[in-house]
Amino acid sequence: MRVSVQEAPFDLGAEANRFAAGDTGSGAIVTFTGVVRDLAQGNLDVMEIEHYPGMTEKAIEAIADEARQRWSLADVLVIHRHGRLSPGDRIMMVATAARHRKDAFEAAEFLMDYLKSRAPFWKKEITGKGGEWVAAKDEDEAALDRW
């Protein structure tokens, strides 16, 4: 299991290949990459993501460990960026490996729902008109409630 909270961009292909290397017991590897999307008005300059170092990693490690146990995962990878990101930048990656695809898919979705709604990150959208903190969305909370 690896959790990385980092400012630097990551290479999706290299991370996926490293995650899958040498795993002969899993029948499924699922990867998901989140990307900073522009606002509906098309005016997002940057998104600033803040976190508390140490606390954030521990919170993500705990939920990743929960996912490993609930779905009998062989391995888990979570990468989440912080700092200033532009539309189109990769913001996060989740990878799960399991003997069966259902476990790998469900665990990945569980982790993504957690990262979207509960992980200790604070996001601010900055446009030409200034900055505004991103509020939690009801649909994100509802997605996590199903687990």
C-alpha atoms as a PDB file:
ATOM      1  CA  MET A   1       0.000   0.000   0.000  1.00  0.00           C
ATOM      2  CA  ARG A   2       1.293   3.433  -0.883  1.00  0.00           C
ATOM      3  CA  VAL A   3      -0.229   6.837  -0.133  1.00  0.00           C
ATOM      4  CA  SER A   4       1.419   9.966  -1.468  1.00  0.00           C
ATOM      5  CA  VAL A   5       0.278  13.545  -0.914  1.00  0.00           C
ATOM      6  CA  GLN A   6       2.494  15.636  -3.135  1.00  0.00           C
ATOM      7  CA  GLU A   7       2.790  18.929  -4.924  1.00  0.00           C
ATOM      8  CA  ALA A   8       4.617  17.558  -7.957  1.00  0.00           C
ATOM      9  CA  PRO A   9       2.805  16.149 -10.981  1.00  0.00           C
ATOM     10  CA  PHE A  10       2.846  12.370 -11.408  1.00  0.00           C
ATOM     11  CA  ASP A  11       3.311  10.206 -14.488  1.00  0.00           C
ATOM     12  CA  LEU A  12       0.119   8.178 -14.830  1.00  0.00           C
ATOM     13  CA  GLY A  13       1.655   5.475 -17.008  1.00  0.00           C
ATOM     14  CA  ALA A  14       4.738   5.052 -14.842  1.00  0.00           C
ATOM     15  CA  GLU A  15       2.650   4.874 -11.659  1.00  0.00           C
ATOM     16  CA  ALA A  16       0.253   2.310 -13.166  1.00  0.00           C
ATOM     17  CA  ASN A  17       3.140   0.181 -14.447  1.00  0.00           C
ATOM     18  CA  ARG A  18       4.959   0.315 -11.102  1.00  0.00           C
ATOM     19  CA  PHE A  19       1.741  -0.622  -9.290  1.00  0.00           C
ATOM     20  CA  ALA A  20       1.121  -3.634 -11.533  1.00  0.00           C
ATOM     21  CA  ALA A  21       4.723  -4.852 -11.695  1.00  0.00           C
ATOM     22  CA  GLY A  22       5.221  -8.336 -10.335  1.00  0.00           C
ATOM     23  CA  ASP A  23       1.619  -8.870  -9.234  1.00  0.00           C
ATOM     24  CA  THR A  24       0.702 -12.361 -10.433  1.00  0.00           C
ATOM     25  CA  GLY A  25      -2.039 -13.100  -7.893  1.00  0.00           C
ATOM     26  CA  SER A  26      -4.493 -10.397  -8.904  1.00  0.00           C
ATOM     27  CA  GLY A  27      -6.969 -10.912 -11.704  1.00  0.00           C
ATOM     28  CA  ALA A  28      -7.926  -7.226 -11.780  1.00  0.00           C
ATOM     29  CA  ILE A  29      -6.155  -3.904 -11.502  1.00  0.00           C
ATOM     30  CA  VAL A  30      -8.329  -0.806 -11.576  1.00  0.00           C
ATOM     31  CA  THR A  31      -6.953   2.707 -11.974  1.00  0.00           C
ATOM     32  CA  PHE A  32      -8.730   6.033 -11.844  1.00  0.00           C
ATOM     33  CA  THR A  33      -7.280   9.476 -12.412  1.00  0.00           C
ATOM     34  CA  GLY A  34      -9.013  12.678 -11.379  1.00  0.00           C
ATOM     35  CA  VAL A  35      -8.397  15.812 -13.418  1.00  0.00           C
ATOM     36  CA  VAL A  36      -8.998  19.453 -12.489  1.00  0.00           C
ATOM     37  CA  ARG A  37     -11.928  20.517 -14.618  1.00  0.00           C
ATOM     38  CA  ASP A  38     -12.735  24.044 -15.644  1.00  0.00           C
ATOM     39  CA  LEU A  39     -15.822  25.751 -14.268  1.00  0.00           C
ATOM     40  CA  ALA A  40     -19.005  25.663 -16.352  1.00  0.00           C
ATOM     41  CA  GLN A  41     -18.327  29.299 -17.281  1.00  0.00           C
ATOM     42  CA  GLY A  42     -14.830  28.342 -18.480  1.00  0.00           C
ATOM     43  CA  ASN A  43     -13.099  30.865 -16.254  1.00  0.00           C
ATOM     44  CA  LEU A  44     -11.077  28.841 -13.718  1.00  0.00           C
ATOM     45  CA  ASP A  45      -7.522  30.151 -13.551  1.00  0.00           C
ATOM     46  CA  VAL A  46      -6.254  27.771 -10.872  1.00  0.00           C
ATOM     47  CA  MET A  47      -7.427  25.586  -8.034  1.00  0.00           C
ATOM     48  CA  GLU A  48      -5.485  25.866  -4.799  1.00  0.00           C
ATOM     49  CA  ILE A  49      -5.513  22.742  -2.638  1.00  0.00           C
ATOM     50  CA  GLU A  50      -4.428  22.906   0.984  1.00  0.00           C
ATOM     51  CA  HIS A  51      -3.941  20.143   3.550  1.00  0.00           C
ATOM     52  CA  TYR A  52      -2.359  19.447   6.932  1.00  0.00           C
ATOM     53  CA  PRO A  53       0.836  17.442   6.323  1.00  0.00           C
ATOM     54  CA  GLY A  54       0.900  14.277   8.375  1.00  0.00           C
ATOM     55  CA  MET A  55      -2.776  14.372   9.256  1.00  0.00           C
ATOM     56  CA  THR A  56      -3.910  14.049   5.647  1.00  0.00           C
ATOM     57  CA  GLU A  57      -1.643  11.094   4.909  1.00  0.00           C
ATOM     58  CA  LYS A  58      -2.755   9.279   8.078  1.00  0.00           C
ATOM     59  CA  ALA A  59      -6.438   9.789   7.220  1.00  0.00           C
ATOM     60  CA  ILE A  60      -5.961   8.449   3.682  1.00  0.00           C
ATOM     61  CA  GLU A  61      -3.838   5.534   4.916  1.00  0.00           C
ATOM     62  CA  ALA A  62      -6.598   4.570   7.360  1.00  0.00           C
ATOM     63  CA  ILE A  63      -9.295   4.550   4.675  1.00  0.00           C
ATOM     64  CA  ALA A  64      -7.013   2.691   2.245  1.00  0.00           C
ATOM     65  CA  ASP A  65      -6.393   0.069   4.924  1.00  0.00           C
ATOM     66  CA  GLU A  66     -10.148  -0.206   5.478  1.00  0.00           C
ATOM     67  CA  ALA A  67     -10.619  -0.764   1.736  1.00  0.00           C
ATOM     68  CA  ARG A  68      -7.910  -3.463   1.732  1.00  0.00           C
ATOM     69  CA  GLN A  69      -9.715  -5.343   4.455  1.00  0.00           C
ATOM     70  CA  ARG A  70     -13.290  -4.904   3.167  1.00  0.00           C
ATOM     71  CA  TRP A  71     -12.486  -6.040  -0.372  1.00  0.00           C
ATOM     72  CA  SER A  72      -9.507  -8.371   0.207  1.00  0.00           C
ATOM     73  CA  LEU A  73      -7.224  -6.219  -1.923  1.00  0.00           C
ATOM     74  CA  ALA A  74      -3.721  -7.281  -2.814  1.00  0.00           C
ATOM     75  CA  ASP A  75      -2.570  -3.660  -3.047  1.00  0.00           C
ATOM     76  CA  VAL A  76      -3.731  -0.037  -2.990  1.00  0.00           C
ATOM     77  CA  LEU A  77      -2.212   3.165  -4.352  1.00  0.00           C
ATOM     78  CA  VAL A  78      -3.502   6.672  -3.651  1.00  0.00           C
ATOM     79  CA  ILE A  79      -1.780   9.784  -4.969  1.00  0.00           C
ATOM     80  CA  HIS A  80      -3.307  13.203  -4.285  1.00  0.00           C
ATOM     81  CA  ARG A  81      -1.762  16.521  -5.201  1.00  0.00           C
ATOM     82  CA  HIS A  82      -1.845  19.827  -3.370  1.00  0.00           C
ATOM     83  CA  GLY A  83      -0.780  23.340  -4.287  1.00  0.00           C
ATOM     84  CA  ARG A  84      -1.818  25.311  -7.363  1.00  0.00           C
ATOM     85  CA  LEU A  85      -3.304  23.258 -10.185  1.00  0.00           C
ATOM     86  CA  SER A  86      -4.674  24.384 -13.531  1.00  0.00           C
ATOM     87  CA  PRO A  87      -7.600  22.965 -15.504  1.00  0.00           C
ATOM     88  CA  GLY A  88      -6.443  19.743 -17.133  1.00  0.00           C
ATOM     89  CA  ASP A  89      -3.861  18.931 -14.442  1.00  0.00           C
ATOM     90  CA  ARG A  90      -4.019  15.517 -12.812  1.00  0.00           C
ATOM     91  CA  ILE A  91      -5.184  15.957  -9.232  1.00  0.00           C
ATOM     92  CA  MET A  92      -5.318  12.374  -7.964  1.00  0.00           C
ATOM     93  CA  MET A  93      -4.921   8.711  -8.787  1.00  0.00           C
ATOM     94  CA  VAL A  94      -6.380   5.600  -7.170  1.00  0.00           C
ATOM     95  CA  ALA A  95      -5.282   2.083  -8.059  1.00  0.00           C
ATOM     96  CA  THR A  96      -6.550  -1.168  -6.577  1.00  0.00           C
ATOM     97  CA  ALA A  97      -5.527  -4.773  -7.190  1.00  0.00           C
ATOM     98  CA  ALA A  98      -7.634  -7.788  -6.274  1.00  0.00           C
ATOM     99  CA  ARG A  99      -8.203 -11.392  -7.324  1.00  0.00           C
ATOM    100  CA  HIS A 100     -11.566 -10.420  -8.836  1.00  0.00           C
ATOM    101  CA  ARG A 101     -12.665  -7.311 -10.747  1.00  0.00           C
ATOM    102  CA  LYS A 102     -15.742  -6.613  -8.621  1.00  0.00           C
ATOM    103  CA  ASP A 103     -13.591  -6.129  -5.518  1.00  0.00           C
ATOM    104  CA  ALA A 104     -11.087  -3.965  -7.394  1.00  0.00           C
ATOM    105  CA  PHE A 105     -13.793  -1.743  -8.910  1.00  0.00           C
ATOM    106  CA  GLU A 106     -15.827  -1.369  -5.713  1.00  0.00           C
ATOM    107  CA  ALA A 107     -12.788  -0.605  -3.591  1.00  0.00           C
ATOM    108  CA  ALA A 108     -11.559   1.993  -6.087  1.00  0.00           C
ATOM    109  CA  GLU A 109     -14.974   3.638  -6.148  1.00  0.00           C
ATOM    110  CA  PHE A 110     -15.131   3.636  -2.335  1.00  0.00           C
ATOM    111  CA  LEU A 111     -11.719   5.322  -2.158  1.00  0.00           C
ATOM    112  CA  MET A 112     -12.678   7.907  -4.786  1.00  0.00           C
ATOM    113  CA  ASP A 113     -15.900   8.733  -2.929  1.00  0.00           C
ATOM    114  CA  TYR A 114     -13.923   9.161   0.297  1.00  0.00           C
ATOM    115  CA  LEU A 115     -11.311  11.381  -1.353  1.00  0.00           C
ATOM    116  CA  LYS A 116     -14.014  13.556  -2.917  1.00  0.00           C
ATOM    117  CA  SER A 117     -16.049  14.102   0.242  1.00  0.00           C
ATOM    118  CA  ARG A 118     -14.079  13.390   3.415  1.00  0.00           C
ATOM    119  CA  ALA A 119     -10.337  13.520   2.852  1.00  0.00           C
ATOM    120  CA  PRO A 120      -8.874  16.516   4.693  1.00  0.00           C
ATOM    121  CA  PHE A 121      -8.206  18.788   1.721  1.00  0.00           C
ATOM    122  CA  TRP A 122      -9.464  22.335   1.257  1.00  0.00           C
ATOM    123  CA  LYS A 123      -9.973  23.596  -2.281  1.00  0.00           C
ATOM    124  CA  LYS A 124     -10.234  27.156  -3.507  1.00  0.00           C
ATOM    125  CA  GLU A 125     -11.248  28.014  -7.064  1.00  0.00           C
ATOM    126  CA  ILE A 126      -9.546  31.160  -8.337  1.00  0.00           C
ATOM    127  CA  THR A 127     -10.927  33.147 -11.261  1.00  0.00           C
ATOM    128  CA  GLY A 128     -10.360  36.653 -12.535  1.00  0.00           C
ATOM    129  CA  LYS A 129     -12.990  37.767  -9.997  1.00  0.00           C
ATOM    130  CA  GLY A 130     -11.125  36.323  -6.988  1.00  0.00           C
ATOM    131  CA  GLY A 131     -11.135  33.124  -4.985  1.00  0.00           C
ATOM    132  CA  GLU A 132     -13.948  31.028  -3.556  1.00  0.00           C
ATOM    133  CA  TRP A 133     -13.689  27.979  -1.308  1.00  0.00           C
ATOM    134  CA  VAL A 134     -15.321  24.849  -2.726  1.00  0.00           C
ATOM    135  CA  ALA A 135     -18.211  23.685  -0.547  1.00  0.00           C
ATOM    136  CA  ALA A 136     -19.117  20.053   0.022  1.00  0.00           C
ATOM    137  CA  LYS A 137     -21.795  18.792  -2.356  1.00  0.00           C
ATOM    138  CA  ASP A 138     -24.788  16.742  -1.275  1.00  0.00           C
ATOM    139  CA  GLU A 139     -24.282  14.261  -4.120  1.00  0.00           C
ATOM    140  CA  ASP A 140     -20.699  13.578  -2.967  1.00  0.00           C
ATOM    141  CA  GLU A 141     -21.897  12.843   0.557  1.00  0.00           C
ATOM    142  CA  ALA A 142     -24.687  10.632  -0.801  1.00  0.00           C
ATOM    143  CA  ALA A 143     -22.157   8.679  -2.848  1.00  0.00           C
ATOM    144  CA  LEU A 144     -20.114   7.941   0.270  1.00  0.00           C
ATOM    145  CA  ASP A 145     -23.211   7.042   2.303  1.00  0.00           C
ATOM    146  CA  ARG A 146     -23.855   3.987   0.152  1.00  0.00           C
ATOM    147  CA  TRP A 147     -20.734   2.326   1.546  1.00  0.00           C
END
